[in-house]
Amino acid sequence: MQQTILSIAGKPGLFKLISRGKNSLIVESLDAAHRRQPAFGTDRITSLADIAMYTDSDDVPLMDVLNNLKTIEEGKTASIDPKKASGDELREYFAKVLPSFDRDRVHTSDIKKLIQWYNILVANGITDFKEDLKPTDGDNIDDRQEQKEEK
């Protein structure tokens, strides 16, 4: 089940794209409330499929990093609490997930956010990261649904 999972700057958590409004996207929060709200063109909206982590060689897509994390945690939520762990503990933990990550460009806050996102996705039953978070075709959600029906 392919979904468009979004991050919106300035708003905590992750969002699932539901539909398009006249001048906005309709998104649903991936938390206990599942509240729907508009996301406007002025919001910095990023699909998780477009995010990558810096490494010493090439950038690694976020879905691959999440898959590594899922393998280490055996599909359960992260064993480390990103809010209580120190920066050194987070970096040591992340070195197990992505050994070649660029220690200069990947900040502790990035690692915290990644672990929080992983926990949100697992809590919402989204664990097939390669399939669920892969980039989609089409300019809008309607195009994507039409293409899916044709296949």
N, C-alpha and C. Protein backbone atom coordinates (compact mmCIF):
# COMPACT_ATOMS: atom_id res chain seq x y z
N MET A 1 0.85 -1.18 0.00
CA MET A 1 0.00 0.00 0.00
C MET A 1 0.89 1.24 0.00
N GLN A 2 0.97 1.86 -1.13
CA GLN A 2 1.83 3.02 -1.28
C GLN A 2 1.13 4.28 -0.77
N GLN A 3 1.83 5.04 0.06
CA GLN A 3 1.26 6.24 0.64
C GLN A 3 2.25 7.37 0.47
N THR A 4 1.75 8.58 0.59
CA THR A 4 2.64 9.72 0.59
C THR A 4 2.71 10.24 2.01
N ILE A 5 3.85 10.00 2.65
CA ILE A 5 4.07 10.45 4.02
C ILE A 5 4.89 11.74 3.94
N LEU A 6 4.42 12.76 4.65
CA LEU A 6 5.01 14.09 4.54
C LEU A 6 5.52 14.59 5.89
N SER A 7 6.52 15.44 5.80
CA SER A 7 6.98 16.21 6.94
C SER A 7 6.70 17.67 6.62
N ILE A 8 6.15 18.40 7.57
CA ILE A 8 5.84 19.82 7.36
C ILE A 8 6.64 20.62 8.37
N ALA A 9 7.48 21.52 7.86
CA ALA A 9 8.34 22.33 8.73
C ALA A 9 7.48 23.14 9.70
N GLY A 10 7.89 23.14 10.96
CA GLY A 10 7.18 23.90 11.97
C GLY A 10 6.03 23.15 12.63
N LYS A 11 5.71 21.96 12.12
CA LYS A 11 4.65 21.15 12.72
C LYS A 11 5.26 19.82 13.15
N PRO A 12 5.01 19.43 14.39
CA PRO A 12 5.62 18.18 14.88
C PRO A 12 4.96 16.95 14.24
N GLY A 13 5.74 15.89 14.13
CA GLY A 13 5.21 14.63 13.64
C GLY A 13 5.23 14.49 12.14
N LEU A 14 4.53 13.48 11.67
CA LEU A 14 4.42 13.17 10.24
C LEU A 14 2.97 13.24 9.82
N PHE A 15 2.76 13.37 8.51
CA PHE A 15 1.41 13.51 7.97
C PHE A 15 1.25 12.62 6.75
N LYS A 16 0.03 12.15 6.56
CA LYS A 16 -0.30 11.35 5.38
C LYS A 16 -1.12 12.23 4.44
N LEU A 17 -0.74 12.23 3.16
CA LEU A 17 -1.48 13.01 2.18
C LEU A 17 -2.83 12.34 1.92
N ILE A 18 -3.91 13.09 2.09
CA ILE A 18 -5.25 12.56 1.89
C ILE A 18 -5.81 13.00 0.55
N SER A 19 -5.75 14.29 0.28
CA SER A 19 -6.36 14.84 -0.93
C SER A 19 -5.78 16.22 -1.21
N ARG A 20 -6.27 16.79 -2.29
CA ARG A 20 -5.89 18.16 -2.63
C ARG A 20 -7.11 19.05 -2.51
N GLY A 21 -6.91 20.19 -1.89
CA GLY A 21 -7.95 21.21 -1.85
C GLY A 21 -7.70 22.18 -2.97
N LYS A 22 -8.45 23.29 -3.00
CA LYS A 22 -8.29 24.27 -4.06
C LYS A 22 -6.90 24.90 -4.03
N ASN A 23 -6.47 25.36 -2.86
CA ASN A 23 -5.16 26.01 -2.73
C ASN A 23 -4.28 25.31 -1.70
N SER A 24 -4.57 24.06 -1.41
CA SER A 24 -3.83 23.39 -0.35
C SER A 24 -3.88 21.88 -0.52
N LEU A 25 -3.11 21.22 0.30
CA LEU A 25 -3.17 19.76 0.41
C LEU A 25 -3.91 19.44 1.70
N ILE A 26 -4.69 18.40 1.68
CA ILE A 26 -5.35 17.95 2.90
C ILE A 26 -4.50 16.81 3.45
N VAL A 27 -4.02 16.99 4.68
CA VAL A 27 -3.16 16.00 5.30
C VAL A 27 -3.78 15.53 6.61
N GLU A 28 -3.40 14.30 7.00
CA GLU A 28 -3.88 13.73 8.26
C GLU A 28 -2.66 13.42 9.12
N SER A 29 -2.69 13.85 10.36
CA SER A 29 -1.55 13.61 11.24
C SER A 29 -1.46 12.12 11.58
N LEU A 30 -0.23 11.63 11.67
CA LEU A 30 -0.01 10.24 12.04
C LEU A 30 0.26 10.17 13.54
N ASP A 31 -0.74 10.53 14.31
CA ASP A 31 -0.66 10.43 15.76
C ASP A 31 -1.97 9.86 16.26
N ALA A 32 -2.19 9.87 17.54
CA ALA A 32 -3.40 9.27 18.10
C ALA A 32 -4.66 10.00 17.64
N ALA A 33 -4.58 11.31 17.40
CA ALA A 33 -5.76 12.08 17.03
C ALA A 33 -6.18 11.88 15.57
N HIS A 34 -5.24 11.61 14.66
CA HIS A 34 -5.50 11.50 13.21
C HIS A 34 -6.29 12.70 12.71
N ARG A 35 -5.88 13.89 13.16
CA ARG A 35 -6.57 15.12 12.80
C ARG A 35 -6.23 15.53 11.37
N ARG A 36 -7.23 15.89 10.61
CA ARG A 36 -7.02 16.37 9.24
C ARG A 36 -6.92 17.89 9.25
N GLN A 37 -6.03 18.40 8.39
CA GLN A 37 -5.83 19.83 8.32
C GLN A 37 -5.27 20.19 6.96
N PRO A 38 -5.41 21.44 6.56
CA PRO A 38 -4.82 21.86 5.28
C PRO A 38 -3.34 22.19 5.44
N ALA A 39 -2.59 21.93 4.39
CA ALA A 39 -1.19 22.36 4.32
C ALA A 39 -1.09 23.24 3.08
N PHE A 40 -0.69 24.47 3.27
CA PHE A 40 -0.71 25.44 2.19
C PHE A 40 0.62 25.50 1.46
N GLY A 41 0.64 26.17 0.33
CA GLY A 41 1.84 26.32 -0.47
C GLY A 41 2.95 27.06 0.24
N THR A 42 2.61 27.85 1.24
CA THR A 42 3.63 28.58 1.99
C THR A 42 4.33 27.70 3.02
N ASP A 43 3.73 26.54 3.35
CA ASP A 43 4.36 25.60 4.27
C ASP A 43 5.48 24.87 3.54
N ARG A 44 6.56 24.60 4.24
CA ARG A 44 7.63 23.79 3.65
C ARG A 44 7.27 22.33 3.84
N ILE A 45 6.78 21.71 2.77
CA ILE A 45 6.31 20.33 2.82
C ILE A 45 7.33 19.45 2.09
N THR A 46 7.74 18.37 2.75
CA THR A 46 8.71 17.46 2.16
C THR A 46 8.22 16.03 2.29
N SER A 47 8.25 15.30 1.20
CA SER A 47 7.91 13.88 1.23
C SER A 47 9.10 13.12 1.80
N LEU A 48 8.83 12.10 2.62
CA LEU A 48 9.93 11.30 3.17
C LEU A 48 10.71 10.61 2.06
N ALA A 49 10.07 10.37 0.93
CA ALA A 49 10.76 9.73 -0.20
C ALA A 49 11.85 10.64 -0.78
N ASP A 50 11.78 11.94 -0.52
CA ASP A 50 12.75 12.88 -1.06
C ASP A 50 13.91 13.17 -0.12
N ILE A 51 13.89 12.58 1.07
CA ILE A 51 14.90 12.87 2.09
C ILE A 51 16.00 11.80 2.03
N ALA A 52 17.24 12.23 2.23
CA ALA A 52 18.37 11.31 2.27
C ALA A 52 19.29 11.70 3.43
N MET A 53 20.09 10.75 3.89
CA MET A 53 21.05 11.00 4.97
C MET A 53 22.44 11.09 4.37
N TYR A 54 23.24 12.02 4.88
CA TYR A 54 24.61 12.19 4.42
C TYR A 54 25.46 11.01 4.88
N THR A 55 26.31 10.51 3.99
CA THR A 55 27.31 9.51 4.35
C THR A 55 28.66 9.99 3.84
N ASP A 56 29.70 9.21 4.12
CA ASP A 56 31.03 9.59 3.68
C ASP A 56 31.18 9.51 2.16
N SER A 57 30.32 8.71 1.50
CA SER A 57 30.39 8.63 0.03
C SER A 57 29.13 9.26 -0.56
N ASP A 58 28.14 8.45 -0.93
CA ASP A 58 26.89 8.97 -1.50
C ASP A 58 25.84 9.14 -0.41
N ASP A 59 24.83 9.95 -0.71
CA ASP A 59 23.71 10.08 0.22
C ASP A 59 22.86 8.82 0.14
N VAL A 60 22.31 8.41 1.29
CA VAL A 60 21.50 7.19 1.37
C VAL A 60 20.05 7.61 1.56
N PRO A 61 19.12 7.12 0.71
CA PRO A 61 17.70 7.48 0.87
C PRO A 61 17.18 7.12 2.26
N LEU A 62 16.28 7.94 2.77
CA LEU A 62 15.74 7.74 4.11
C LEU A 62 15.09 6.37 4.24
N MET A 63 14.44 5.89 3.18
CA MET A 63 13.76 4.59 3.28
C MET A 63 14.76 3.47 3.55
N ASP A 64 15.99 3.58 3.02
CA ASP A 64 17.01 2.57 3.29
C ASP A 64 17.48 2.64 4.74
N VAL A 65 17.63 3.85 5.25
CA VAL A 65 18.04 4.04 6.65
C VAL A 65 16.95 3.48 7.58
N LEU A 66 15.69 3.77 7.27
CA LEU A 66 14.58 3.25 8.08
C LEU A 66 14.53 1.72 8.02
N ASN A 67 14.83 1.16 6.85
CA ASN A 67 14.87 -0.29 6.72
C ASN A 67 15.97 -0.89 7.60
N ASN A 68 17.14 -0.25 7.62
CA ASN A 68 18.24 -0.71 8.48
C ASN A 68 17.82 -0.65 9.95
N LEU A 69 17.16 0.43 10.32
CA LEU A 69 16.68 0.60 11.70
C LEU A 69 15.67 -0.48 12.04
N LYS A 70 14.78 -0.79 11.09
CA LYS A 70 13.78 -1.84 11.30
C LYS A 70 14.45 -3.20 11.50
N THR A 71 15.51 -3.47 10.73
CA THR A 71 16.23 -4.73 10.86
C THR A 71 16.88 -4.84 12.24
N ILE A 72 17.52 -3.76 12.69
CA ILE A 72 18.18 -3.76 14.00
C ILE A 72 17.16 -3.93 15.12
N GLU A 73 16.02 -3.25 15.01
CA GLU A 73 15.00 -3.28 16.06
C GLU A 73 13.99 -4.41 15.88
N GLU A 74 14.16 -5.22 14.84
CA GLU A 74 13.27 -6.35 14.54
C GLU A 74 11.81 -5.92 14.39
N GLY A 75 11.61 -4.75 13.78
CA GLY A 75 10.26 -4.26 13.49
C GLY A 75 9.55 -3.61 14.66
N LYS A 76 10.19 -3.53 15.80
CA LYS A 76 9.58 -2.90 16.98
C LYS A 76 10.04 -1.45 17.05
N THR A 77 9.46 -0.69 17.99
CA THR A 77 9.89 0.70 18.16
C THR A 77 11.34 0.72 18.64
N ALA A 78 11.98 1.85 18.46
CA ALA A 78 13.41 1.98 18.78
C ALA A 78 13.67 1.72 20.26
N SER A 79 14.78 1.04 20.52
CA SER A 79 15.13 0.70 21.90
C SER A 79 15.73 1.88 22.66
N ILE A 80 16.09 2.93 21.95
CA ILE A 80 16.65 4.12 22.58
C ILE A 80 15.60 5.23 22.59
N ASP A 81 15.53 5.97 23.67
CA ASP A 81 14.59 7.09 23.76
C ASP A 81 15.31 8.35 23.28
N PRO A 82 14.91 8.88 22.10
CA PRO A 82 15.64 10.03 21.55
C PRO A 82 15.55 11.29 22.41
N LYS A 83 14.53 11.39 23.24
CA LYS A 83 14.39 12.59 24.06
C LYS A 83 15.30 12.57 25.29
N LYS A 84 15.60 11.36 25.79
CA LYS A 84 16.40 11.25 27.02
C LYS A 84 17.86 10.92 26.75
N ALA A 85 18.18 10.38 25.58
CA ALA A 85 19.55 9.96 25.28
C ALA A 85 20.46 11.17 25.04
N SER A 86 21.71 11.02 25.40
CA SER A 86 22.68 12.09 25.15
C SER A 86 23.10 12.05 23.68
N GLY A 87 23.76 13.10 23.25
CA GLY A 87 24.22 13.18 21.87
C GLY A 87 25.18 12.05 21.52
N ASP A 88 26.07 11.71 22.45
CA ASP A 88 27.04 10.63 22.19
C ASP A 88 26.33 9.28 22.08
N GLU A 89 25.32 9.06 22.94
CA GLU A 89 24.56 7.80 22.87
C GLU A 89 23.82 7.70 21.54
N LEU A 90 23.24 8.80 21.08
CA LEU A 90 22.51 8.79 19.81
C LEU A 90 23.45 8.51 18.64
N ARG A 91 24.61 9.13 18.64
CA ARG A 91 25.58 8.91 17.56
C ARG A 91 26.09 7.48 17.56
N GLU A 92 26.33 6.92 18.74
CA GLU A 92 26.78 5.54 18.85
C GLU A 92 25.70 4.58 18.33
N TYR A 93 24.45 4.85 18.71
CA TYR A 93 23.33 4.04 18.24
C TYR A 93 23.18 4.15 16.72
N PHE A 94 23.27 5.37 16.20
CA PHE A 94 23.08 5.58 14.77
C PHE A 94 24.22 4.97 13.96
N ALA A 95 25.40 4.84 14.56
CA ALA A 95 26.53 4.20 13.87
C ALA A 95 26.22 2.72 13.60
N LYS A 96 25.37 2.12 14.43
CA LYS A 96 24.94 0.73 14.17
C LYS A 96 23.98 0.68 12.99
N VAL A 97 23.14 1.70 12.88
CA VAL A 97 22.13 1.76 11.82
C VAL A 97 22.77 2.10 10.48
N LEU A 98 23.60 3.11 10.46
CA LEU A 98 24.25 3.57 9.22
C LEU A 98 25.73 3.85 9.55
N PRO A 99 26.58 2.82 9.47
CA PRO A 99 27.98 2.96 9.91
C PRO A 99 28.75 4.07 9.19
N SER A 100 28.42 4.36 7.94
CA SER A 100 29.20 5.33 7.17
C SER A 100 28.60 6.74 7.19
N PHE A 101 27.72 7.03 8.15
CA PHE A 101 27.11 8.37 8.15
C PHE A 101 28.17 9.45 8.39
N ASP A 102 27.97 10.60 7.78
CA ASP A 102 28.91 11.72 7.87
C ASP A 102 28.74 12.39 9.23
N ARG A 103 29.72 12.20 10.09
CA ARG A 103 29.63 12.70 11.46
C ARG A 103 29.67 14.23 11.55
N ASP A 104 30.13 14.89 10.49
CA ASP A 104 30.16 16.35 10.49
C ASP A 104 28.83 16.96 10.06
N ARG A 105 28.18 16.36 9.08
CA ARG A 105 26.96 16.95 8.52
C ARG A 105 25.67 16.41 9.10
N VAL A 106 25.70 15.23 9.73
CA VAL A 106 24.50 14.69 10.38
C VAL A 106 24.53 15.12 11.84
N HIS A 107 23.58 15.96 12.20
CA HIS A 107 23.53 16.51 13.55
C HIS A 107 22.74 15.60 14.48
N THR A 108 22.92 15.79 15.77
CA THR A 108 22.19 15.02 16.77
C THR A 108 20.69 15.21 16.60
N SER A 109 20.27 16.42 16.27
CA SER A 109 18.83 16.69 16.08
C SER A 109 18.27 15.89 14.90
N ASP A 110 19.10 15.66 13.86
CA ASP A 110 18.66 14.84 12.72
C ASP A 110 18.43 13.39 13.16
N ILE A 111 19.32 12.88 13.99
CA ILE A 111 19.20 11.50 14.48
C ILE A 111 17.95 11.37 15.35
N LYS A 112 17.73 12.35 16.23
CA LYS A 112 16.54 12.35 17.08
C LYS A 112 15.27 12.32 16.23
N LYS A 113 15.23 13.19 15.22
CA LYS A 113 14.05 13.28 14.36
C LYS A 113 13.83 11.97 13.61
N LEU A 114 14.90 11.36 13.12
CA LEU A 114 14.79 10.10 12.40
C LEU A 114 14.20 9.01 13.29
N ILE A 115 14.69 8.91 14.52
CA ILE A 115 14.19 7.88 15.44
C ILE A 115 12.74 8.15 15.80
N GLN A 116 12.39 9.43 16.01
CA GLN A 116 10.98 9.77 16.29
C GLN A 116 10.09 9.41 15.11
N TRP A 117 10.53 9.71 13.89
CA TRP A 117 9.75 9.36 12.71
C TRP A 117 9.59 7.85 12.59
N TYR A 118 10.67 7.12 12.83
CA TYR A 118 10.60 5.65 12.76
C TYR A 118 9.54 5.14 13.75
N ASN A 119 9.56 5.64 14.98
CA ASN A 119 8.59 5.21 15.99
C ASN A 119 7.16 5.55 15.57
N ILE A 120 6.95 6.72 14.97
CA ILE A 120 5.62 7.11 14.50
C ILE A 120 5.15 6.16 13.40
N LEU A 121 6.02 5.86 12.45
CA LEU A 121 5.66 4.97 11.34
C LEU A 121 5.34 3.57 11.84
N VAL A 122 6.15 3.04 12.74
CA VAL A 122 5.91 1.70 13.28
C VAL A 122 4.60 1.68 14.07
N ALA A 123 4.35 2.71 14.86
CA ALA A 123 3.12 2.79 15.65
C ALA A 123 1.87 2.83 14.76
N ASN A 124 2.02 3.33 13.53
CA ASN A 124 0.90 3.42 12.60
C ASN A 124 0.87 2.25 11.62
N GLY A 125 1.68 1.23 11.85
CA GLY A 125 1.66 0.04 11.02
C GLY A 125 2.33 0.20 9.66
N ILE A 126 3.12 1.23 9.49
CA ILE A 126 3.84 1.45 8.23
C ILE A 126 5.25 0.93 8.43
N THR A 127 5.50 -0.30 7.98
CA THR A 127 6.81 -0.91 8.22
C THR A 127 7.49 -1.39 6.95
N ASP A 128 6.77 -1.42 5.82
CA ASP A 128 7.41 -1.81 4.56
C ASP A 128 7.92 -0.52 3.90
N PHE A 129 9.04 -0.03 4.39
CA PHE A 129 9.52 1.29 3.99
C PHE A 129 9.88 1.37 2.52
N LYS A 130 10.42 0.31 1.95
CA LYS A 130 10.80 0.33 0.53
C LYS A 130 9.57 0.58 -0.34
N GLU A 131 8.45 -0.05 0.00
CA GLU A 131 7.23 0.07 -0.80
C GLU A 131 6.42 1.31 -0.42
N ASP A 132 6.21 1.51 0.89
CA ASP A 132 5.33 2.58 1.35
C ASP A 132 5.90 3.97 1.12
N LEU A 133 7.21 4.12 1.15
CA LEU A 133 7.80 5.45 1.06
C LEU A 133 8.49 5.71 -0.26
N LYS A 134 8.36 4.80 -1.24
CA LYS A 134 9.07 5.04 -2.50
C LYS A 134 8.44 6.22 -3.24
N PRO A 135 9.23 6.91 -4.04
CA PRO A 135 8.69 8.06 -4.78
C PRO A 135 7.54 7.64 -5.68
N THR A 136 6.56 8.49 -5.79
CA THR A 136 5.39 8.17 -6.61
C THR A 136 5.46 8.91 -7.92
N ASP A 137 4.69 8.42 -8.90
CA ASP A 137 4.63 9.05 -10.22
C ASP A 137 3.45 10.00 -10.26
N GLY A 138 3.52 10.97 -11.16
CA GLY A 138 2.38 11.87 -11.36
C GLY A 138 2.57 13.18 -10.63
N ASP A 139 1.84 14.17 -11.11
CA ASP A 139 1.93 15.50 -10.53
C ASP A 139 1.04 15.68 -9.31
N ASN A 140 -0.02 14.89 -9.24
CA ASN A 140 -0.88 15.03 -8.07
C ASN A 140 -1.46 13.68 -7.69
N ILE A 141 -2.12 13.64 -6.58
CA ILE A 141 -2.63 12.40 -6.01
C ILE A 141 -3.61 11.70 -6.96
N ASP A 142 -4.38 12.47 -7.73
CA ASP A 142 -5.33 11.86 -8.67
C ASP A 142 -4.59 11.10 -9.77
N ASP A 143 -3.49 11.68 -10.28
CA ASP A 143 -2.70 11.00 -11.31
C ASP A 143 -2.15 9.68 -10.77
N ARG A 144 -1.71 9.69 -9.54
CA ARG A 144 -1.11 8.49 -8.95
C ARG A 144 -2.17 7.40 -8.83
N GLN A 145 -3.37 7.76 -8.40
CA GLN A 145 -4.43 6.76 -8.24
C GLN A 145 -4.85 6.20 -9.59
N GLU A 146 -4.91 7.04 -10.62
CA GLU A 146 -5.26 6.57 -11.96
C GLU A 146 -4.21 5.60 -12.48
N GLN A 147 -2.93 5.91 -12.26
CA GLN A 147 -1.87 5.04 -12.72
C GLN A 147 -1.89 3.72 -11.98
N LYS A 148 -2.24 3.74 -10.71
CA LYS A 148 -2.30 2.51 -9.93
C LYS A 148 -3.42 1.61 -10.44
N GLU A 149 -4.58 2.22 -10.80
CA GLU A 149 -5.71 1.45 -11.30
C GLU A 149 -5.40 0.83 -12.65
N GLU A 150 -4.59 1.50 -13.47
CA GLU A 150 -4.26 0.99 -14.80
C GLU A 150 -3.37 -0.23 -14.72
N LYS A 151 -2.56 -0.35 -13.68
CA LYS A 151 -1.61 -1.47 -13.55
C LYS A 151 -2.27 -2.73 -13.19
